[in-house]
N, C-alpha and C. Protein backbone atom coordinates (compact mmCIF):
# COMPACT_ATOMS: atom_id res chain seq x y z
N MET A 1 0.85 -1.17 0.00
CA MET A 1 0.00 0.00 0.00
C MET A 1 0.90 1.24 0.00
N ASP A 2 0.54 2.22 -0.80
CA ASP A 2 1.31 3.46 -0.89
C ASP A 2 1.23 4.24 0.41
N LYS A 3 2.28 5.01 0.67
CA LYS A 3 2.31 5.88 1.85
C LYS A 3 1.17 6.89 1.74
N GLY A 4 0.46 7.11 2.83
CA GLY A 4 -0.63 8.07 2.83
C GLY A 4 -1.97 7.48 2.43
N VAL A 5 -2.00 6.21 2.05
CA VAL A 5 -3.24 5.56 1.66
C VAL A 5 -3.82 4.85 2.87
N THR A 6 -5.10 5.05 3.11
CA THR A 6 -5.80 4.43 4.23
C THR A 6 -6.84 3.46 3.69
N LEU A 7 -6.82 2.23 4.18
CA LEU A 7 -7.85 1.27 3.80
C LEU A 7 -9.14 1.62 4.52
N VAL A 8 -10.25 1.55 3.80
CA VAL A 8 -11.58 1.79 4.35
C VAL A 8 -12.47 0.62 3.97
N PRO A 9 -13.59 0.43 4.68
CA PRO A 9 -14.49 -0.66 4.31
C PRO A 9 -14.93 -0.53 2.85
N LEU A 10 -15.03 -1.64 2.18
CA LEU A 10 -15.42 -1.65 0.77
C LEU A 10 -16.78 -1.00 0.59
N SER A 11 -16.84 -0.02 -0.30
CA SER A 11 -18.07 0.66 -0.69
C SER A 11 -18.08 0.75 -2.20
N ALA A 12 -19.23 1.07 -2.75
CA ALA A 12 -19.33 1.30 -4.19
C ALA A 12 -19.79 2.73 -4.42
N CYS A 13 -19.23 3.36 -5.43
CA CYS A 13 -19.68 4.70 -5.83
C CYS A 13 -21.15 4.59 -6.21
N VAL A 14 -21.96 5.49 -5.68
CA VAL A 14 -23.39 5.44 -5.97
C VAL A 14 -23.71 5.83 -7.41
N HIS A 15 -22.77 6.48 -8.08
CA HIS A 15 -23.00 6.93 -9.45
C HIS A 15 -22.53 5.91 -10.48
N CYS A 16 -21.29 5.45 -10.35
CA CYS A 16 -20.73 4.57 -11.38
C CYS A 16 -20.50 3.13 -10.93
N GLY A 17 -20.62 2.87 -9.63
CA GLY A 17 -20.45 1.52 -9.12
C GLY A 17 -19.01 1.12 -8.85
N GLU A 18 -18.07 2.01 -9.07
CA GLU A 18 -16.66 1.71 -8.80
C GLU A 18 -16.50 1.27 -7.34
N GLU A 19 -15.81 0.17 -7.14
CA GLU A 19 -15.56 -0.29 -5.77
C GLU A 19 -14.41 0.51 -5.18
N ILE A 20 -14.62 1.03 -3.98
CA ILE A 20 -13.65 1.89 -3.32
C ILE A 20 -13.30 1.27 -1.98
N ASP A 21 -12.01 1.02 -1.77
CA ASP A 21 -11.57 0.41 -0.51
C ASP A 21 -10.38 1.12 0.11
N ALA A 22 -10.06 2.32 -0.41
CA ALA A 22 -8.93 3.07 0.12
C ALA A 22 -9.17 4.56 -0.12
N ALA A 23 -8.50 5.38 0.68
CA ALA A 23 -8.63 6.83 0.55
C ALA A 23 -7.30 7.48 0.87
N THR A 24 -7.07 8.62 0.27
CA THR A 24 -5.90 9.44 0.59
C THR A 24 -6.38 10.86 0.88
N ALA A 25 -5.64 11.55 1.72
CA ALA A 25 -5.99 12.93 2.05
C ALA A 25 -5.40 13.87 1.01
N VAL A 26 -6.13 14.92 0.70
CA VAL A 26 -5.65 15.91 -0.26
C VAL A 26 -4.69 16.88 0.41
N ASP A 27 -5.01 17.30 1.63
CA ASP A 27 -4.25 18.36 2.28
C ASP A 27 -3.33 17.93 3.41
N ASP A 28 -3.65 16.83 4.06
CA ASP A 28 -2.85 16.45 5.21
C ASP A 28 -2.71 14.93 5.25
N ALA A 29 -1.97 14.46 6.21
CA ALA A 29 -1.65 13.04 6.26
C ALA A 29 -2.59 12.24 7.17
N ARG A 30 -3.62 12.87 7.70
CA ARG A 30 -4.49 12.14 8.61
C ARG A 30 -5.38 11.16 7.85
N SER A 31 -5.83 10.16 8.56
CA SER A 31 -6.75 9.18 7.98
C SER A 31 -8.15 9.76 7.92
N PRO A 32 -8.96 9.31 6.95
CA PRO A 32 -10.33 9.81 6.86
C PRO A 32 -11.16 9.32 8.04
N GLY A 33 -12.18 10.07 8.37
CA GLY A 33 -13.09 9.70 9.45
C GLY A 33 -14.52 10.00 9.06
N PRO A 34 -15.47 9.61 9.90
CA PRO A 34 -16.87 9.90 9.62
C PRO A 34 -17.10 11.38 9.34
N GLY A 35 -17.87 11.65 8.30
CA GLY A 35 -18.16 13.04 7.91
C GLY A 35 -17.19 13.61 6.90
N ASP A 36 -16.03 12.97 6.73
CA ASP A 36 -15.07 13.47 5.74
C ASP A 36 -15.58 13.20 4.33
N LEU A 37 -15.16 14.05 3.41
CA LEU A 37 -15.56 13.94 2.02
C LEU A 37 -14.61 13.06 1.24
N SER A 38 -15.13 12.48 0.16
CA SER A 38 -14.32 11.64 -0.73
C SER A 38 -14.86 11.82 -2.14
N VAL A 39 -13.98 11.73 -3.12
CA VAL A 39 -14.38 11.87 -4.52
C VAL A 39 -13.99 10.59 -5.26
N CYS A 40 -14.94 10.03 -6.01
CA CYS A 40 -14.66 8.84 -6.81
C CYS A 40 -13.68 9.22 -7.91
N LEU A 41 -12.56 8.50 -8.00
CA LEU A 41 -11.56 8.80 -9.01
C LEU A 41 -11.96 8.34 -10.40
N ARG A 42 -13.00 7.55 -10.50
CA ARG A 42 -13.47 7.10 -11.81
C ARG A 42 -14.43 8.10 -12.44
N CYS A 43 -15.41 8.61 -11.64
CA CYS A 43 -16.45 9.46 -12.23
C CYS A 43 -16.55 10.86 -11.62
N GLY A 44 -15.93 11.08 -10.46
CA GLY A 44 -15.97 12.39 -9.83
C GLY A 44 -17.13 12.62 -8.88
N GLN A 45 -17.92 11.58 -8.60
CA GLN A 45 -19.03 11.73 -7.65
C GLN A 45 -18.47 12.06 -6.27
N ILE A 46 -19.08 13.03 -5.61
CA ILE A 46 -18.66 13.43 -4.28
C ILE A 46 -19.49 12.66 -3.25
N HIS A 47 -18.80 12.05 -2.30
CA HIS A 47 -19.41 11.27 -1.23
C HIS A 47 -18.93 11.81 0.12
N PHE A 48 -19.54 11.30 1.18
CA PHE A 48 -18.99 11.49 2.52
C PHE A 48 -19.01 10.14 3.22
N PHE A 49 -18.13 9.98 4.20
CA PHE A 49 -18.09 8.76 4.98
C PHE A 49 -19.11 8.85 6.10
N ASN A 50 -19.98 7.82 6.21
CA ASN A 50 -20.94 7.80 7.32
C ASN A 50 -20.23 7.28 8.58
N ASP A 51 -20.98 7.06 9.65
CA ASP A 51 -20.38 6.63 10.91
C ASP A 51 -19.69 5.27 10.81
N ASP A 52 -20.11 4.44 9.85
CA ASP A 52 -19.49 3.13 9.63
C ASP A 52 -18.40 3.18 8.57
N MET A 53 -18.05 4.40 8.14
CA MET A 53 -17.02 4.61 7.11
C MET A 53 -17.43 4.04 5.75
N ILE A 54 -18.72 4.00 5.50
CA ILE A 54 -19.26 3.61 4.20
C ILE A 54 -19.57 4.90 3.45
N LEU A 55 -19.29 4.91 2.15
CA LEU A 55 -19.52 6.11 1.35
C LEU A 55 -21.00 6.31 1.05
N VAL A 56 -21.42 7.56 1.19
CA VAL A 56 -22.79 7.98 0.91
C VAL A 56 -22.69 9.20 0.00
N ALA A 57 -23.55 9.26 -1.03
CA ALA A 57 -23.51 10.41 -1.95
C ALA A 57 -23.82 11.70 -1.19
N LEU A 58 -23.10 12.74 -1.53
CA LEU A 58 -23.36 14.06 -0.95
C LEU A 58 -24.47 14.73 -1.76
N ALA A 59 -25.55 15.09 -1.12
CA ALA A 59 -26.68 15.73 -1.80
C ALA A 59 -26.29 17.14 -2.23
N PRO A 60 -26.83 17.61 -3.36
CA PRO A 60 -26.52 18.97 -3.82
C PRO A 60 -26.79 20.03 -2.75
N LYS A 61 -27.86 19.87 -1.97
CA LYS A 61 -28.15 20.88 -0.94
C LYS A 61 -27.06 20.88 0.14
N ASP A 62 -26.49 19.69 0.42
CA ASP A 62 -25.40 19.62 1.40
C ASP A 62 -24.11 20.20 0.83
N PHE A 63 -23.88 20.01 -0.48
CA PHE A 63 -22.72 20.61 -1.13
C PHE A 63 -22.77 22.13 -0.97
N SER A 64 -23.94 22.69 -1.16
CA SER A 64 -24.07 24.15 -1.10
C SER A 64 -23.82 24.69 0.31
N LEU A 65 -23.89 23.83 1.32
CA LEU A 65 -23.64 24.26 2.70
C LEU A 65 -22.16 24.21 3.09
N LEU A 66 -21.34 23.60 2.24
CA LEU A 66 -19.91 23.51 2.53
C LEU A 66 -19.27 24.90 2.42
N PRO A 67 -18.19 25.13 3.15
CA PRO A 67 -17.47 26.41 3.00
C PRO A 67 -17.03 26.62 1.55
N VAL A 68 -17.01 27.87 1.13
CA VAL A 68 -16.67 28.22 -0.25
C VAL A 68 -15.35 27.60 -0.68
N GLN A 69 -14.32 27.66 0.17
CA GLN A 69 -13.01 27.14 -0.23
C GLN A 69 -13.05 25.62 -0.42
N VAL A 70 -13.88 24.93 0.34
CA VAL A 70 -14.02 23.47 0.17
C VAL A 70 -14.74 23.18 -1.14
N ARG A 71 -15.80 23.92 -1.45
CA ARG A 71 -16.51 23.72 -2.72
C ARG A 71 -15.59 23.98 -3.91
N ARG A 72 -14.77 25.01 -3.82
CA ARG A 72 -13.83 25.30 -4.92
C ARG A 72 -12.84 24.16 -5.13
N LYS A 73 -12.30 23.67 -4.02
CA LYS A 73 -11.33 22.58 -4.11
C LYS A 73 -11.98 21.33 -4.70
N LEU A 74 -13.19 21.01 -4.25
CA LEU A 74 -13.89 19.84 -4.78
C LEU A 74 -14.17 20.01 -6.28
N ARG A 75 -14.56 21.20 -6.68
CA ARG A 75 -14.82 21.44 -8.12
C ARG A 75 -13.55 21.23 -8.93
N ARG A 76 -12.40 21.67 -8.41
CA ARG A 76 -11.14 21.48 -9.13
C ARG A 76 -10.80 19.99 -9.25
N VAL A 77 -11.00 19.25 -8.17
CA VAL A 77 -10.72 17.81 -8.19
C VAL A 77 -11.63 17.11 -9.19
N VAL A 78 -12.92 17.41 -9.15
CA VAL A 78 -13.87 16.79 -10.06
C VAL A 78 -13.55 17.17 -11.51
N ALA A 79 -13.20 18.42 -11.75
CA ALA A 79 -12.84 18.85 -13.11
C ALA A 79 -11.61 18.10 -13.61
N ALA A 80 -10.64 17.89 -12.76
CA ALA A 80 -9.43 17.15 -13.16
C ALA A 80 -9.77 15.71 -13.51
N ILE A 81 -10.67 15.10 -12.73
CA ILE A 81 -11.09 13.72 -13.03
C ILE A 81 -11.81 13.66 -14.36
N HIS A 82 -12.71 14.60 -14.61
CA HIS A 82 -13.45 14.62 -15.86
C HIS A 82 -12.54 14.92 -17.06
N ALA A 83 -11.52 15.73 -16.85
CA ALA A 83 -10.59 16.09 -17.94
C ALA A 83 -9.77 14.91 -18.42
N ARG A 84 -9.50 13.96 -17.54
CA ARG A 84 -8.69 12.81 -17.95
C ARG A 84 -9.52 11.69 -18.54
N SER A 85 -10.84 11.84 -18.51
CA SER A 85 -11.73 10.81 -19.07
C SER A 85 -11.83 10.92 -20.56
């Protein structure tokens, strides 16, 4: 396993079905926890980890409640994923 990669319980992206069993932090070296956001590297769907560390799709209304700088960063990540497709 690569440095900085954290294993998480197997989940599937709600949009594309990609199986996800690991996560890396964008800004720091800490492991993900409940409530943290995650982006599917296959399709760019934004999720959050629930209390059991299972991925759940982030609703558009919840996205709009995120701090502006977080929304900007997520948009850049999603755009980069879509650009390589």
